[in-house]
Structure formats: C-alpha cells, structure tokens
C-alpha cells in the first residue's frame, strides 16, 4: 500500500469487517457513532471522511486502540538521553568581567 486511496480502501474494508462481526448494519453503526449514514458509507467505501467520523466510528466499534497506535506517546530513546547534555544548573560568568567586592 503506497497511496492514500489504497490506505482509505483498506481501512474501509477493515471497518466493514468489524461492523459485520458485531452484526451491525450501517444505519446501526451510524447511530451508535453519532454520525450520518453517508459518513459510514464513505468510510467503508474508501471515499474518505472527517477525522471526527473516523474517531467516532472506531469508538463505536470498540477499537480505540487503533487510535493509540496512530498517535503513540512520545518518548525519548535511551541512546538520545545519553547523547543529550545535562540541564544547566547555573548561569556562566561572562568572560572579561571582573567580580566586584
């Protein structure tokens, strides 16, 4: 899968399969998700939909985990932590300035 259209079509097939596994028709899924029937048809047909419609549909199908895989928590790798400097604790004195009593 390379193109957006291919991803949309695959996602639509998976949403349709989930809906059918839960023995729901498109109208029932639309009602559960709180979206229009046409939005469900567009999603399943790979014709695109709003991000809100996708989120509501996945939640109605109990697939919030799909959303978490799309936006995982950002973490710093151990290697990156070793490479980064420790945070500064004090300001440095400017060169050429003498301290006054």
PDB file of N, CA and C in Angstrom:
ATOM      1  N   UNK A   1       0.837  -1.181   0.000  1.00  0.00           N
ATOM      2  CA  UNK A   1       0.000   0.000   0.000  1.00  0.00           C
ATOM      3  C   UNK A   1       0.881   1.243   0.000  1.00  0.00           C
ATOM      4  N   UNK A   2       0.695   2.051  -0.983  1.00  0.00           N
ATOM      5  CA  UNK A   2       1.506   3.250  -1.094  1.00  0.00           C
ATOM      6  C   UNK A   2       0.692   4.527  -1.103  1.00  0.00           C
ATOM      7  N   UNK A   3      -0.429   4.508  -1.761  1.00  0.00           N
ATOM      8  CA  UNK A   3      -1.177   5.747  -1.935  1.00  0.00           C
ATOM      9  C   UNK A   3      -2.219   5.931  -0.832  1.00  0.00           C
ATOM     10  N   UNK A   4      -2.667   7.158  -0.693  1.00  0.00           N
ATOM     11  CA  UNK A   4      -3.723   7.460   0.278  1.00  0.00           C
ATOM     12  C   UNK A   4      -4.999   6.700  -0.067  1.00  0.00           C
ATOM     13  N   UNK A   5      -5.295   6.614  -1.344  1.00  0.00           N
ATOM     14  CA  UNK A   5      -6.503   5.891  -1.779  1.00  0.00           C
ATOM     15  C   UNK A   5      -6.456   4.427  -1.349  1.00  0.00           C
ATOM     16  N   UNK A   6      -5.276   3.816  -1.474  1.00  0.00           N
ATOM     17  CA  UNK A   6      -5.136   2.412  -1.068  1.00  0.00           C
ATOM     18  C   UNK A   6      -5.325   2.256   0.439  1.00  0.00           C
ATOM     19  N   UNK A   7      -4.782   3.196   1.209  1.00  0.00           N
ATOM     20  CA  UNK A   7      -4.955   3.156   2.666  1.00  0.00           C
ATOM     21  C   UNK A   7      -6.420   3.350   3.037  1.00  0.00           C
ATOM     22  N   UNK A   8      -7.089   4.288   2.381  1.00  0.00           N
ATOM     23  CA  UNK A   8      -8.502   4.537   2.656  1.00  0.00           C
ATOM     24  C   UNK A   8      -9.344   3.304   2.346  1.00  0.00           C
ATOM     25  N   UNK A   9      -9.053   2.636   1.232  1.00  0.00           N
ATOM     26  CA  UNK A   9      -9.801   1.439   0.852  1.00  0.00           C
ATOM     27  C   UNK A   9      -9.569   0.320   1.858  1.00  0.00           C
ATOM     28  N   UNK A  10      -8.334   0.121   2.290  1.00  0.00           N
ATOM     29  CA  UNK A  10      -8.030  -0.928   3.260  1.00  0.00           C
ATOM     30  C   UNK A  10      -8.696  -0.647   4.598  1.00  0.00           C
ATOM     31  N   UNK A  11      -8.629   0.580   5.044  1.00  0.00           N
ATOM     32  CA  UNK A  11      -9.269   0.951   6.300  1.00  0.00           C
ATOM     33  C   UNK A  11     -10.781   0.731   6.204  1.00  0.00           C
ATOM     34  N   UNK A  12     -11.357   1.083   5.069  1.00  0.00           N
ATOM     35  CA  UNK A  12     -12.788   0.861   4.854  1.00  0.00           C
ATOM     36  C   UNK A  12     -13.157  -0.609   4.913  1.00  0.00           C
ATOM     37  N   UNK A  13     -12.325  -1.465   4.313  1.00  0.00           N
ATOM     38  CA  UNK A  13     -12.587  -2.918   4.366  1.00  0.00           C
ATOM     39  C   UNK A  13     -12.536  -3.422   5.803  1.00  0.00           C
ATOM     40  N   UNK A  14     -11.573  -2.932   6.566  1.00  0.00           N
ATOM     41  CA  UNK A  14     -11.447  -3.381   7.948  1.00  0.00           C
ATOM     42  C   UNK A  14     -12.614  -2.897   8.811  1.00  0.00           C
ATOM     43  N   UNK A  15     -13.052  -1.673   8.607  1.00  0.00           N
ATOM     44  CA  UNK A  15     -14.197  -1.157   9.358  1.00  0.00           C
ATOM     45  C   UNK A  15     -15.453  -1.950   9.020  1.00  0.00           C
ATOM     46  N   UNK A  16     -15.628  -2.257   7.738  1.00  0.00           N
ATOM     47  CA  UNK A  16     -16.796  -3.048   7.322  1.00  0.00           C
ATOM     48  C   UNK A  16     -16.765  -4.430   7.963  1.00  0.00           C
ATOM     49  N   UNK A  17     -15.590  -5.073   7.967  1.00  0.00           N
ATOM     50  CA  UNK A  17     -15.457  -6.400   8.567  1.00  0.00           C
ATOM     51  C   UNK A  17     -15.769  -6.356  10.067  1.00  0.00           C
ATOM     52  N   UNK A  18     -15.296  -5.328  10.755  1.00  0.00           N
ATOM     53  CA  UNK A  18     -15.591  -5.184  12.184  1.00  0.00           C
ATOM     54  C   UNK A  18     -17.085  -5.003  12.425  1.00  0.00           C
ATOM     55  N   UNK A  19     -17.700  -4.180  11.591  1.00  0.00           N
ATOM     56  CA  UNK A  19     -19.139  -3.945  11.727  1.00  0.00           C
ATOM     57  C   UNK A  19     -19.926  -5.233  11.546  1.00  0.00           C
ATOM     58  N   UNK A  20     -19.567  -5.997  10.533  1.00  0.00           N
ATOM     59  CA  UNK A  20     -20.283  -7.241  10.263  1.00  0.00           C
ATOM     60  C   UNK A  20     -20.035  -8.280  11.357  1.00  0.00           C
ATOM     61  N   UNK A  21     -18.832  -8.316  11.911  1.00  0.00           N
ATOM     62  CA  UNK A  21     -18.538  -9.230  13.019  1.00  0.00           C
ATOM     63  C   UNK A  21     -19.399  -8.924  14.239  1.00  0.00           C
ATOM     64  N   UNK A  22     -19.739  -7.658  14.385  1.00  0.00           N
ATOM     65  CA  UNK A  22     -20.585  -7.266  15.509  1.00  0.00           C
ATOM     66  C   UNK A  22     -22.072  -7.294  15.144  1.00  0.00           C
ATOM     67  N   UNK A  23     -22.349  -7.829  13.953  1.00  0.00           N
ATOM     68  CA  UNK A  23     -23.714  -7.997  13.462  1.00  0.00           C
ATOM     69  C   UNK A  23     -24.499  -6.685  13.449  1.00  0.00           C
ATOM     70  N   UNK A  24     -23.862  -5.640  12.947  1.00  0.00           N
ATOM     71  CA  UNK A  24     -24.495  -4.331  12.830  1.00  0.00           C
ATOM     72  C   UNK A  24     -24.674  -3.973  11.362  1.00  0.00           C
ATOM     73  N   UNK A  25     -25.788  -3.318  11.060  1.00  0.00           N
ATOM     74  CA  UNK A  25     -25.889  -2.772   9.709  1.00  0.00           C
ATOM     75  C   UNK A  25     -25.335  -1.349   9.744  1.00  0.00           C
ATOM     76  N   UNK A  26     -25.201  -0.735   8.588  1.00  0.00           N
ATOM     77  CA  UNK A  26     -24.587   0.584   8.516  1.00  0.00           C
ATOM     78  C   UNK A  26     -25.368   1.625   9.306  1.00  0.00           C
ATOM     79  N   UNK A  27     -26.675   1.547   9.274  1.00  0.00           N
ATOM     80  CA  UNK A  27     -27.515   2.502   9.999  1.00  0.00           C
ATOM     81  C   UNK A  27     -27.295   2.378  11.509  1.00  0.00           C
ATOM     82  N   UNK A  28     -27.210   1.152  12.004  1.00  0.00           N
ATOM     83  CA  UNK A  28     -26.984   0.940  13.435  1.00  0.00           C
ATOM     84  C   UNK A  28     -25.616   1.494  13.860  1.00  0.00           C
ATOM     85  N   UNK A  29     -24.605   1.270  13.035  1.00  0.00           N
ATOM     86  CA  UNK A  29     -23.283   1.797  13.355  1.00  0.00           C
ATOM     87  C   UNK A  29     -23.305   3.324  13.354  1.00  0.00           C
ATOM     88  N   UNK A  30     -23.974   3.909  12.380  1.00  0.00           N
ATOM     89  CA  UNK A  30     -24.067   5.367  12.318  1.00  0.00           C
ATOM     90  C   UNK A  30     -24.734   5.924  13.573  1.00  0.00           C
ATOM     91  N   UNK A  31     -25.797   5.272  14.023  1.00  0.00           N
ATOM     92  CA  UNK A  31     -26.489   5.723  15.230  1.00  0.00           C
ATOM     93  C   UNK A  31     -25.608   5.579  16.466  1.00  0.00           C
ATOM     94  N   UNK A  32     -24.918   4.451  16.582  1.00  0.00           N
ATOM     95  CA  UNK A  32     -24.011   4.236  17.716  1.00  0.00           C
ATOM     96  C   UNK A  32     -22.892   5.266  17.748  1.00  0.00           C
ATOM     97  N   UNK A  33     -22.372   5.584  16.566  1.00  0.00           N
ATOM     98  CA  UNK A  33     -21.247   6.507  16.456  1.00  0.00           C
ATOM     99  C   UNK A  33     -21.687   7.971  16.510  1.00  0.00           C
ATOM    100  N   UNK A  34     -22.966   8.216  16.318  1.00  0.00           N
ATOM    101  CA  UNK A  34     -23.454   9.594  16.315  1.00  0.00           C
ATOM    102  C   UNK A  34     -23.045  10.357  15.068  1.00  0.00           C
ATOM    103  N   UNK A  35     -22.983   9.634  13.947  1.00  0.00           N
ATOM    104  CA  UNK A  35     -22.618  10.259  12.677  1.00  0.00           C
ATOM    105  C   UNK A  35     -23.673   9.913  11.631  1.00  0.00           C
ATOM    106  N   UNK A  36     -23.587  10.544  10.493  1.00  0.00           N
ATOM    107  CA  UNK A  36     -24.552  10.302   9.416  1.00  0.00           C
ATOM    108  C   UNK A  36     -24.279   8.959   8.735  1.00  0.00           C
ATOM    109  N   UNK A  37     -25.327   8.371   8.223  1.00  0.00           N
ATOM    110  CA  UNK A  37     -25.202   7.117   7.475  1.00  0.00           C
ATOM    111  C   UNK A  37     -24.245   7.290   6.298  1.00  0.00           C
ATOM    112  N   UNK A  38     -24.310   8.427   5.643  1.00  0.00           N
ATOM    113  CA  UNK A  38     -23.427   8.661   4.497  1.00  0.00           C
ATOM    114  C   UNK A  38     -21.953   8.648   4.922  1.00  0.00           C
ATOM    115  N   UNK A  39     -21.652   9.072   6.144  1.00  0.00           N
ATOM    116  CA  UNK A  39     -20.268   9.046   6.629  1.00  0.00           C
ATOM    117  C   UNK A  39     -19.781   7.605   6.773  1.00  0.00           C
ATOM    118  N   UNK A  40     -20.640   6.729   7.275  1.00  0.00           N
ATOM    119  CA  UNK A  40     -20.278   5.308   7.393  1.00  0.00           C
ATOM    120  C   UNK A  40     -20.054   4.719   6.005  1.00  0.00           C
ATOM    121  N   UNK A  41     -20.945   5.037   5.088  1.00  0.00           N
ATOM    122  CA  UNK A  41     -20.801   4.524   3.718  1.00  0.00           C
ATOM    123  C   UNK A  41     -19.506   5.026   3.082  1.00  0.00           C
ATOM    124  N   UNK A  42     -19.180   6.295   3.301  1.00  0.00           N
ATOM    125  CA  UNK A  42     -17.931   6.835   2.758  1.00  0.00           C
ATOM    126  C   UNK A  42     -16.716   6.159   3.369  1.00  0.00           C
ATOM    127  N   UNK A  43     -16.741   5.964   4.678  1.00  0.00           N
ATOM    128  CA  UNK A  43     -15.615   5.290   5.330  1.00  0.00           C
ATOM    129  C   UNK A  43     -15.414   3.887   4.773  1.00  0.00           C
ATOM    130  N   UNK A  44     -16.484   3.119   4.740  1.00  0.00           N
ATOM    131  CA  UNK A  44     -16.383   1.738   4.268  1.00  0.00           C
ATOM    132  C   UNK A  44     -16.038   1.660   2.787  1.00  0.00           C
ATOM    133  N   UNK A  45     -16.459   2.632   2.029  1.00  0.00           N
ATOM    134  CA  UNK A  45     -16.192   2.636   0.594  1.00  0.00           C
ATOM    135  C   UNK A  45     -14.824   3.182   0.234  1.00  0.00           C
ATOM    136  N   UNK A  46     -14.064   3.607   1.254  1.00  0.00           N
ATOM    137  CA  UNK A  46     -12.739   4.154   0.991  1.00  0.00           C
ATOM    138  C   UNK A  46     -12.776   5.517   0.332  1.00  0.00           C
ATOM    139  N   UNK A  47     -13.874   6.228   0.543  1.00  0.00           N
ATOM    140  CA  UNK A  47     -14.033   7.540  -0.095  1.00  0.00           C
ATOM    141  C   UNK A  47     -13.652   8.681   0.832  1.00  0.00           C
ATOM    142  N   UNK A  48     -13.124   8.337   1.988  1.00  0.00           N
ATOM    143  CA  UNK A  48     -12.702   9.365   2.924  1.00  0.00           C
ATOM    144  C   UNK A  48     -13.839   9.833   3.804  1.00  0.00           C
ATOM    145  N   UNK A  49     -13.471  10.461   4.877  1.00  0.00           N
ATOM    146  CA  UNK A  49     -14.430  11.021   5.824  1.00  0.00           C
ATOM    147  C   UNK A  49     -13.659  11.978   6.717  1.00  0.00           C
ATOM    148  N   UNK A  50     -14.370  12.618   7.599  1.00  0.00           N
ATOM    149  CA  UNK A  50     -13.679  13.524   8.509  1.00  0.00           C
ATOM    150  C   UNK A  50     -12.966  12.710   9.585  1.00  0.00           C
ATOM    151  N   UNK A  51     -12.006  13.338  10.206  1.00  0.00           N
ATOM    152  CA  UNK A  51     -11.300  12.696  11.302  1.00  0.00           C
ATOM    153  C   UNK A  51     -12.270  12.394  12.436  1.00  0.00           C
ATOM    154  N   UNK A  52     -13.193  13.289  12.683  1.00  0.00           N
ATOM    155  CA  UNK A  52     -14.197  13.079  13.721  1.00  0.00           C
ATOM    156  C   UNK A  52     -15.025  11.830  13.434  1.00  0.00           C
ATOM    157  N   UNK A  53     -15.455  11.658  12.193  1.00  0.00           N
ATOM    158  CA  UNK A  53     -16.251  10.485  11.826  1.00  0.00           C
ATOM    159  C   UNK A  53     -15.458   9.201  12.037  1.00  0.00           C
ATOM    160  N   UNK A  54     -14.199   9.218  11.667  1.00  0.00           N
ATOM    161  CA  UNK A  54     -13.348   8.046  11.861  1.00  0.00           C
ATOM    162  C   UNK A  54     -13.218   7.719  13.347  1.00  0.00           C
ATOM    163  N   UNK A  55     -12.942   8.731  14.157  1.00  0.00           N
ATOM    164  CA  UNK A  55     -12.783   8.510  15.596  1.00  0.00           C
ATOM    165  C   UNK A  55     -14.075   7.979  16.207  1.00  0.00           C
ATOM    166  N   UNK A  56     -15.195   8.597  15.889  1.00  0.00           N
ATOM    167  CA  UNK A  56     -16.475   8.156  16.432  1.00  0.00           C
ATOM    168  C   UNK A  56     -16.797   6.719  16.012  1.00  0.00           C
ATOM    169  N   UNK A  57     -16.490   6.384  14.776  1.00  0.00           N
ATOM    170  CA  UNK A  57     -16.756   5.031  14.278  1.00  0.00           C
ATOM    171  C   UNK A  57     -15.883   4.013  14.997  1.00  0.00           C
ATOM    172  N   UNK A  58     -14.600   4.309  15.145  1.00  0.00           N
ATOM    173  CA  UNK A  58     -13.713   3.374  15.835  1.00  0.00           C
ATOM    174  C   UNK A  58     -14.120   3.204  17.293  1.00  0.00           C
ATOM    175  N   UNK A  59     -14.547   4.265  17.926  1.00  0.00           N
ATOM    176  CA  UNK A  59     -15.006   4.161  19.311  1.00  0.00           C
ATOM    177  C   UNK A  59     -16.264   3.306  19.394  1.00  0.00           C
ATOM    178  N   UNK A  60     -17.189   3.479  18.451  1.00  0.00           N
ATOM    179  CA  UNK A  60     -18.426   2.697  18.443  1.00  0.00           C
ATOM    180  C   UNK A  60     -18.154   1.211  18.211  1.00  0.00           C
ATOM    181  N   UNK A  61     -17.064   0.913  17.522  1.00  0.00           N
ATOM    182  CA  UNK A  61     -16.676  -0.475  17.256  1.00  0.00           C
ATOM    183  C   UNK A  61     -15.681  -1.009  18.306  1.00  0.00           C
ATOM    184  N   UNK A  62     -15.487  -0.246  19.367  1.00  0.00           N
ATOM    185  CA  UNK A  62     -14.563  -0.635  20.451  1.00  0.00           C
ATOM    186  C   UNK A  62     -13.140  -0.837  19.946  1.00  0.00           C
ATOM    187  N   UNK A  63     -12.682   0.075  19.116  1.00  0.00           N
ATOM    188  CA  UNK A  63     -11.326  -0.003  18.571  1.00  0.00           C
ATOM    189  C   UNK A  63     -10.517   1.255  18.876  1.00  0.00           C
ATOM    190  N   UNK A  64     -10.620   1.766  20.105  1.00  0.00           N
ATOM    191  CA  UNK A  64      -9.830   2.935  20.497  1.00  0.00           C
ATOM    192  C   UNK A  64      -8.340   2.643  20.399  1.00  0.00           C
ATOM    193  N   UNK A  65      -7.972   1.372  20.512  1.00  0.00           N
ATOM    194  CA  UNK A  65      -6.551   1.013  20.435  1.00  0.00           C
ATOM    195  C   UNK A  65      -5.967   1.395  19.083  1.00  0.00           C
ATOM    196  N   UNK A  66      -6.780   1.380  18.040  1.00  0.00           N
ATOM    197  CA  UNK A  66      -6.287   1.796  16.722  1.00  0.00           C
ATOM    198  C   UNK A  66      -5.844   3.249  16.785  1.00  0.00           C
ATOM    199  N   UNK A  67      -6.584   4.062  17.513  1.00  0.00           N
ATOM    200  CA  UNK A  67      -6.240   5.474  17.624  1.00  0.00           C
ATOM    201  C   UNK A  67      -4.925   5.654  18.373  1.00  0.00           C
ATOM    202  N   UNK A  68      -4.711   4.844  19.393  1.00  0.00           N
ATOM    203  CA  UNK A  68      -3.468   4.946  20.162  1.00  0.00           C
ATOM    204  C   UNK A  68      -2.254   4.567  19.319  1.00  0.00           C
ATOM    205  N   UNK A  69      -2.430   3.664  18.377  1.00  0.00           N
ATOM    206  CA  UNK A  69      -1.300   3.306  17.521  1.00  0.00           C
ATOM    207  C   UNK A  69      -0.998   4.398  16.502  1.00  0.00           C
ATOM    208  N   UNK A  70      -2.008   5.202  16.183  1.00  0.00           N
ATOM    209  CA  UNK A  70      -1.785   6.319  15.270  1.00  0.00           C
ATOM    210  C   UNK A  70      -1.040   7.463  15.947  1.00  0.00           C
ATOM    211  N   UNK A  71      -1.251   7.619  17.230  1.00  0.00           N
ATOM    212  CA  UNK A  71      -0.625   8.720  17.963  1.00  0.00           C
ATOM    213  C   UNK A  71      -0.031   8.204  19.270  1.00  0.00           C
ATOM    214  N   UNK A  72       1.057   7.432  19.175  1.00  0.00           N
ATOM    215  CA  UNK A  72       1.657   6.894  20.401  1.00  0.00           C
ATOM    216  C   UNK A  72       2.277   8.008  21.244  1.00  0.00           C
ATOM    217  N   UNK A  73       2.423   7.723  22.520  1.00  0.00           N
ATOM    218  CA  UNK A  73       3.047   8.694  23.418  1.00  0.00           C
ATOM    219  C   UNK A  73       4.496   8.908  22.983  1.00  0.00           C
ATOM    220  N   UNK A  74       4.921  10.147  23.008  1.00  0.00           N
ATOM    221  CA  UNK A  74       6.284  10.479  22.607  1.00  0.00           C
ATOM    222  C   UNK A  74       7.222  10.132  23.752  1.00  0.00           C
ATOM    223  N   UNK A  75       8.281   9.437  23.417  1.00  0.00           N
ATOM    224  CA  UNK A  75       9.260   9.100  24.445  1.00  0.00           C
ATOM    225  C   UNK A  75      10.660   9.338  23.885  1.00  0.00           C
ATOM    226  N   UNK A  76      11.585   9.499  24.780  1.00  0.00           N
ATOM    227  CA  UNK A  76      12.973   9.720  24.383  1.00  0.00           C
ATOM    228  C   UNK A  76      13.692   8.384  24.475  1.00  0.00           C
ATOM    229  N   UNK A  77      14.432   8.054  23.448  1.00  0.00           N
ATOM    230  CA  UNK A  77      15.158   6.788  23.451  1.00  0.00           C
ATOM    231  C   UNK A  77      16.324   6.868  24.433  1.00  0.00           C
ATOM    232  N   UNK A  78      16.724   5.740  25.009  1.00  0.00           N
ATOM    233  CA  UNK A  78      17.859   5.735  25.932  1.00  0.00           C
ATOM    234  C   UNK A  78      19.136   6.278  25.292  1.00  0.00           C
ATOM    235  N   UNK A  79      19.348   5.992  24.014  1.00  0.00           N
ATOM    236  CA  UNK A  79      20.540   6.485  23.321  1.00  0.00           C
ATOM    237  C   UNK A  79      20.497   8.005  23.233  1.00  0.00           C
ATOM    238  N   UNK A  80      19.336   8.556  22.930  1.00  0.00           N
ATOM    239  CA  UNK A  80      19.201  10.004  22.836  1.00  0.00           C
ATOM    240  C   UNK A  80      19.438  10.650  24.200  1.00  0.00           C
ATOM    241  N   UNK A  81      19.004  10.005  25.267  1.00  0.00           N
ATOM    242  CA  UNK A  81      19.224  10.538  26.606  1.00  0.00           C
ATOM    243  C   UNK A  81      20.713  10.595  26.928  1.00  0.00           C
ATOM    244  N   UNK A  82      21.464   9.576  26.505  1.00  0.00           N
ATOM    245  CA  UNK A  82      22.893   9.564  26.764  1.00  0.00           C
ATOM    246  C   UNK A  82      23.617  10.666  25.989  1.00  0.00           C
ATOM    247  N   UNK A  83      23.132  10.956  24.797  1.00  0.00           N
ATOM    248  CA  UNK A  83      23.765  11.964  23.956  1.00  0.00           C
ATOM    249  C   UNK A  83      23.458  13.384  24.417  1.00  0.00           C
ATOM    250  N   UNK A  84      22.333  13.573  25.070  1.00  0.00           N
ATOM    251  CA  UNK A  84      21.958  14.931  25.466  1.00  0.00           C
ATOM    252  C   UNK A  84      22.735  15.363  26.706  1.00  0.00           C
ATOM    253  N   UNK A  85      22.977  16.655  26.785  1.00  0.00           N
ATOM    254  CA  UNK A  85      23.696  17.205  27.918  1.00  0.00           C
ATOM    255  C   UNK A  85      22.749  17.336  29.102  1.00  0.00           C
ATOM    256  N   UNK A  86      23.332  17.325  30.274  1.00  0.00           N
ATOM    257  CA  UNK A  86      22.543  17.546  31.479  1.00  0.00           C
ATOM    258  C   UNK A  86      22.051  18.993  31.476  1.00  0.00           C
ATOM    259  N   UNK A  87      20.888  19.257  32.038  1.00  0.00           N
ATOM    260  CA  UNK A  87      20.385  20.629  32.060  1.00  0.00           C
ATOM    261  C   UNK A  87      21.295  21.518  32.914  1.00  0.00           C
ATOM    262  N   UNK A  88      21.414  22.763  32.525  1.00  0.00           N
ATOM    263  CA  UNK A  88      22.274  23.710  33.241  1.00  0.00           C
ATOM    264  C   UNK A  88      21.720  23.953  34.635  1.00  0.00           C
ATOM    265  N   UNK A  89      22.646  24.077  35.582  1.00  0.00           N
ATOM    266  CA  UNK A  89      22.268  24.356  36.958  1.00  0.00           C
ATOM    267  C   UNK A  89      22.517  25.816  37.332  1.00  0.00           C
ATOM    268  N   UNK A  90      23.508  26.449  36.677  1.00  0.00           N
ATOM    269  CA  UNK A  90      23.873  27.835  36.980  1.00  0.00           C
ATOM    270  C   UNK A  90      24.171  28.577  35.691  1.00  0.00           C
ATOM    271  N   UNK A  91      24.060  29.880  35.776  1.00  0.00           N
ATOM    272  CA  UNK A  91      24.454  30.726  34.654  1.00  0.00           C
ATOM    273  C   UNK A  91      25.971  30.861  34.673  1.00  0.00           C
ATOM    274  N   UNK A  92      26.561  30.954  33.500  1.00  0.00           N
ATOM    275  CA  UNK A  92      28.016  31.115  33.447  1.00  0.00           C
ATOM    276  C   UNK A  92      28.369  32.594  33.521  1.00  0.00           C
ATOM    277  N   UNK A  93      29.557  32.867  34.011  1.00  0.00           N
ATOM    278  CA  UNK A  93      30.028  34.238  34.127  1.00  0.00           C
ATOM    279  C   UNK A  93      30.547  34.667  32.770  1.00  0.00           C
ATOM    280  N   UNK A  94      30.261  35.886  32.386  1.00  0.00           N
ATOM    281  CA  UNK A  94      30.737  36.389  31.099  1.00  0.00           C
ATOM    282  C   UNK A  94      32.234  36.621  31.178  1.00  0.00           C
ATOM    283  N   UNK A  95      32.937  36.299  30.131  1.00  0.00           N
ATOM    284  CA  UNK A  95      34.389  36.453  30.090  1.00  0.00           C
ATOM    285  C   UNK A  95      34.784  37.919  30.068  1.00  0.00           C
ATOM    286  N   UNK A  96      35.906  38.217  30.699  1.00  0.00           N
ATOM    287  CA  UNK A  96      36.408  39.562  30.684  1.00  0.00           C
ATOM    288  C   UNK A  96      35.827  40.436  31.765  1.00  0.00           C
ATOM    289  N   UNK A  97      34.886  39.953  32.503  1.00  0.00           N
ATOM    290  CA  UNK A  97      34.304  40.747  33.591  1.00  0.00           C
ATOM    291  C   UNK A  97      34.971  40.341  34.897  1.00  0.00           C
ATOM    292  N   UNK A  98      35.271  41.290  35.674  1.00  0.00           N
ATOM    293  CA  UNK A  98      35.856  41.005  36.985  1.00  0.00           C
ATOM    294  C   UNK A  98      34.786  41.136  38.032  1.00  0.00           C
ATOM    295  N   UNK A  99      34.944  40.405  39.062  1.00  0.00           N
ATOM    296  CA  UNK A  99      33.945  40.484  40.131  1.00  0.00           C
ATOM    297  C   UNK A  99      34.262  41.659  41.038  1.00  0.00           C
ATOM    298  N   UNK A 100      33.279  42.331  41.530  1.00  0.00           N
ATOM    299  CA  UNK A 100      33.440  43.480  42.420  1.00  0.00           C
ATOM    300  C   UNK A 100      33.049  43.079  43.836  1.00  0.00           C
ATOM    301  N   UNK A 101      33.846  43.601  44.811  1.00  0.00           N
ATOM    302  CA  UNK A 101      33.522  43.251  46.200  1.00  0.00           C
ATOM    303  C   UNK A 101      32.285  43.916  46.710  1.00  0.00           C
TER     304      UNK A 101
END
